[in-house]
Amino acid sequence: MEYNNRTIQEAVRLVFLASRHKRGLTQNRLSIISNITRQFISQVEGGKRQPSIFTLCALANAYNLSLTAFFEEVDRLYLLLENGNFVFARDILQAAEPSKIANDYLENAKKIKAEKHSQ
């Protein structure tokens, strides 16, 4: 499978964010547990930075998750977004991030998918 960079980055960001929300953690609490700065967590969740594999390992430890489980979630969300299952993906995203960011991403993803098919 060939991954689209923008979609995989967004899937990682949203799973990163959803994992924190599912556990009821604030950015400050996650920072303490994972030994990652709150500012970096905020930047990753806002899509301004991409986590390294070392950051993902620290988060997996903080969430008591394996990297495999984390990336299974990333892959599941990635496939939904890439295959145009926007309604189901929207439900997942809004549960994780009930904000305008998720809706904006889905709108942009629809436009990009339409552009790819028209080329």
C-alpha atoms as a PDB file:
ATOM      1  CA  MET A   1       0.000   0.000   0.000  1.00  0.00           C
ATOM      2  CA  GLU A   2       1.222   3.494  -0.808  1.00  0.00           C
ATOM      3  CA  TYR A   3       0.349   6.062   1.859  1.00  0.00           C
ATOM      4  CA  ASN A   4      -0.665   9.644   1.169  1.00  0.00           C
ATOM      5  CA  ASN A   5       1.541  11.820   3.418  1.00  0.00           C
ATOM      6  CA  ARG A   6      -1.126  14.353   4.305  1.00  0.00           C
ATOM      7  CA  THR A   7      -3.712  11.720   5.183  1.00  0.00           C
ATOM      8  CA  ILE A   8      -1.300   9.622   7.268  1.00  0.00           C
ATOM      9  CA  GLN A   9      -0.125  12.721   9.148  1.00  0.00           C
ATOM     10  CA  GLU A  10      -3.719  13.628   9.922  1.00  0.00           C
ATOM     11  CA  ALA A  11      -4.584  10.077  10.978  1.00  0.00           C
ATOM     12  CA  VAL A  12      -1.585   9.994  13.369  1.00  0.00           C
ATOM     13  CA  ARG A  13      -2.532  13.400  14.782  1.00  0.00           C
ATOM     14  CA  LEU A  14      -6.139  12.395  15.361  1.00  0.00           C
ATOM     15  CA  VAL A  15      -5.297   9.043  16.953  1.00  0.00           C
ATOM     16  CA  PHE A  16      -2.745  10.868  19.152  1.00  0.00           C
ATOM     17  CA  LEU A  17      -5.508  13.262  20.228  1.00  0.00           C
ATOM     18  CA  ALA A  18      -8.234  10.615  20.517  1.00  0.00           C
ATOM     19  CA  SER A  19      -6.057   8.441  22.757  1.00  0.00           C
ATOM     20  CA  ARG A  20      -5.649  11.316  25.214  1.00  0.00           C
ATOM     21  CA  HIS A  21      -9.363  12.131  25.173  1.00  0.00           C
ATOM     22  CA  LYS A  22     -10.372   8.471  25.639  1.00  0.00           C
ATOM     23  CA  ARG A  23      -8.310   8.352  28.808  1.00  0.00           C
ATOM     24  CA  GLY A  24      -9.656  11.654  30.120  1.00  0.00           C
ATOM     25  CA  LEU A  25      -6.190  13.190  30.306  1.00  0.00           C
ATOM     26  CA  THR A  26      -5.360  16.857  30.012  1.00  0.00           C
ATOM     27  CA  GLN A  27      -2.317  17.897  28.041  1.00  0.00           C
ATOM     28  CA  ASN A  28      -0.612  18.761  31.344  1.00  0.00           C
ATOM     29  CA  ARG A  29      -1.288  15.334  32.836  1.00  0.00           C
ATOM     30  CA  LEU A  30      -0.144  13.566  29.673  1.00  0.00           C
ATOM     31  CA  SER A  31       3.003  15.692  29.751  1.00  0.00           C
ATOM     32  CA  ILE A  32       3.798  14.523  33.259  1.00  0.00           C
ATOM     33  CA  ILE A  33       3.077  10.855  32.522  1.00  0.00           C
ATOM     34  CA  SER A  34       4.946  10.734  29.201  1.00  0.00           C
ATOM     35  CA  ASN A  35       7.761  13.198  29.945  1.00  0.00           C
ATOM     36  CA  ILE A  36       6.863  15.118  26.764  1.00  0.00           C
ATOM     37  CA  THR A  37       6.359  18.854  27.061  1.00  0.00           C
ATOM     38  CA  ARG A  38       2.811  20.150  27.065  1.00  0.00           C
ATOM     39  CA  GLN A  39       3.782  22.577  24.319  1.00  0.00           C
ATOM     40  CA  PHE A  40       4.922  19.744  22.057  1.00  0.00           C
ATOM     41  CA  ILE A  41       1.734  17.783  22.756  1.00  0.00           C
ATOM     42  CA  SER A  42      -0.277  20.869  21.842  1.00  0.00           C
ATOM     43  CA  GLN A  43       1.704  21.352  18.625  1.00  0.00           C
ATOM     44  CA  VAL A  44       1.190  17.719  17.579  1.00  0.00           C
ATOM     45  CA  GLU A  45      -2.522  17.867  18.354  1.00  0.00           C
ATOM     46  CA  GLY A  46      -2.789  21.121  16.418  1.00  0.00           C
ATOM     47  CA  GLY A  47      -1.049  19.627  13.378  1.00  0.00           C
ATOM     48  CA  LYS A  48       1.982  21.913  13.628  1.00  0.00           C
ATOM     49  CA  ARG A  49       4.503  19.155  14.442  1.00  0.00           C
ATOM     50  CA  GLN A  50       4.824  15.461  13.733  1.00  0.00           C
ATOM     51  CA  PRO A  51       5.761  13.060  16.538  1.00  0.00           C
ATOM     52  CA  SER A  52       8.899  10.980  16.161  1.00  0.00           C
ATOM     53  CA  ILE A  53       8.862   7.249  16.756  1.00  0.00           C
ATOM     54  CA  PHE A  54      10.425   7.963  20.171  1.00  0.00           C
ATOM     55  CA  THR A  55       7.540  10.297  21.041  1.00  0.00           C
ATOM     56  CA  LEU A  56       5.060   7.652  19.912  1.00  0.00           C
ATOM     57  CA  CYS A  57       6.825   5.088  22.123  1.00  0.00           C
ATOM     58  CA  ALA A  58       6.585   7.441  25.116  1.00  0.00           C
ATOM     59  CA  LEU A  59       2.878   7.940  24.413  1.00  0.00           C
ATOM     60  CA  ALA A  60       2.248   4.242  23.982  1.00  0.00           C
ATOM     61  CA  ASN A  61       3.870   3.710  27.384  1.00  0.00           C
ATOM     62  CA  ALA A  62       1.792   6.506  28.934  1.00  0.00           C
ATOM     63  CA  TYR A  63      -1.400   5.006  27.480  1.00  0.00           C
ATOM     64  CA  ASN A  64      -0.347   1.443  28.312  1.00  0.00           C
ATOM     65  CA  LEU A  65      -0.704   0.601  24.610  1.00  0.00           C
ATOM     66  CA  SER A  66       1.531  -1.273  22.233  1.00  0.00           C
ATOM     67  CA  LEU A  67       2.802   0.531  19.161  1.00  0.00           C
ATOM     68  CA  THR A  68       0.972  -2.104  17.158  1.00  0.00           C
ATOM     69  CA  ALA A  69      -2.349  -1.114  18.733  1.00  0.00           C
ATOM     70  CA  PHE A  70      -1.616   2.571  18.128  1.00  0.00           C
ATOM     71  CA  PHE A  71      -0.761   2.023  14.475  1.00  0.00           C
ATOM     72  CA  GLU A  72      -3.746  -0.291  13.956  1.00  0.00           C
ATOM     73  CA  GLU A  73      -5.933   2.683  14.919  1.00  0.00           C
ATOM     74  CA  VAL A  74      -3.952   4.956  12.595  1.00  0.00           C
ATOM     75  CA  ASP A  75      -4.316   2.473   9.750  1.00  0.00           C
ATOM     76  CA  ARG A  76      -8.051   2.012  10.361  1.00  0.00           C
ATOM     77  CA  LEU A  77      -8.689   5.761  10.299  1.00  0.00           C
ATOM     78  CA  TYR A  78      -6.346   6.230   7.328  1.00  0.00           C
ATOM     79  CA  LEU A  79      -8.244   3.663   5.275  1.00  0.00           C
ATOM     80  CA  LEU A  80     -11.581   5.270   6.098  1.00  0.00           C
ATOM     81  CA  LEU A  81     -10.329   8.673   5.021  1.00  0.00           C
ATOM     82  CA  GLU A  82      -8.574   7.464   1.875  1.00  0.00           C
ATOM     83  CA  ASN A  83     -11.502   5.319   0.756  1.00  0.00           C
ATOM     84  CA  GLY A  84     -13.963   8.141   1.133  1.00  0.00           C
ATOM     85  CA  ASN A  85     -15.901   6.691   4.060  1.00  0.00           C
ATOM     86  CA  PHE A  86     -16.314  10.211   5.354  1.00  0.00           C
ATOM     87  CA  VAL A  87     -19.537   9.645   7.286  1.00  0.00           C
ATOM     88  CA  PHE A  88     -18.079   6.836   9.403  1.00  0.00           C
ATOM     89  CA  ALA A  89     -14.732   8.634   9.723  1.00  0.00           C
ATOM     90  CA  ARG A  90     -16.564  11.802  10.790  1.00  0.00           C
ATOM     91  CA  ASP A  91     -18.256   9.921  13.625  1.00  0.00           C
ATOM     92  CA  ILE A  92     -14.895   8.588  14.831  1.00  0.00           C
ATOM     93  CA  LEU A  93     -13.243  11.985  14.567  1.00  0.00           C
ATOM     94  CA  GLN A  94     -16.022  13.871  16.285  1.00  0.00           C
ATOM     95  CA  ALA A  95     -16.019  11.408  19.160  1.00  0.00           C
ATOM     96  CA  ALA A  96     -12.304  12.029  19.555  1.00  0.00           C
ATOM     97  CA  GLU A  97     -12.291  15.709  18.706  1.00  0.00           C
ATOM     98  CA  PRO A  98     -15.702  17.378  18.731  1.00  0.00           C
ATOM     99  CA  SER A  99     -14.429  20.511  17.084  1.00  0.00           C
ATOM    100  CA  LYS A 100     -14.251  22.409  13.848  1.00  0.00           C
ATOM    101  CA  ILE A 101     -10.792  20.948  13.077  1.00  0.00           C
ATOM    102  CA  ALA A 102     -12.188  17.470  12.359  1.00  0.00           C
ATOM    103  CA  ASN A 103     -14.951  18.855  10.152  1.00  0.00           C
ATOM    104  CA  ASP A 104     -12.504  21.103   8.279  1.00  0.00           C
ATOM    105  CA  TYR A 105     -10.185  18.168   7.666  1.00  0.00           C
ATOM    106  CA  LEU A 106     -12.989  16.036   6.284  1.00  0.00           C
ATOM    107  CA  GLU A 107     -14.115  18.807   3.944  1.00  0.00           C
ATOM    108  CA  ASN A 108     -10.560  19.242   2.653  1.00  0.00           C
ATOM    109  CA  ALA A 109     -10.138  15.474   2.295  1.00  0.00           C
ATOM    110  CA  LYS A 110     -13.298  15.289   0.175  1.00  0.00           C
ATOM    111  CA  LYS A 111     -12.001  18.068  -2.103  1.00  0.00           C
ATOM    112  CA  ILE A 112      -8.586  16.409  -2.491  1.00  0.00           C
ATOM    113  CA  LYS A 113     -10.209  13.051  -3.271  1.00  0.00           C
ATOM    114  CA  ALA A 114     -12.450  14.684  -5.886  1.00  0.00           C
ATOM    115  CA  GLU A 115      -9.445  16.429  -7.433  1.00  0.00           C
ATOM    116  CA  LYS A 116      -7.478  13.163  -7.609  1.00  0.00           C
ATOM    117  CA  HIS A 117     -10.338  11.425  -9.410  1.00  0.00           C
ATOM    118  CA  SER A 118     -10.774  14.262 -11.910  1.00  0.00           C
ATOM    119  CA  GLN A 119      -7.116  14.137 -13.010  1.00  0.00           C
END
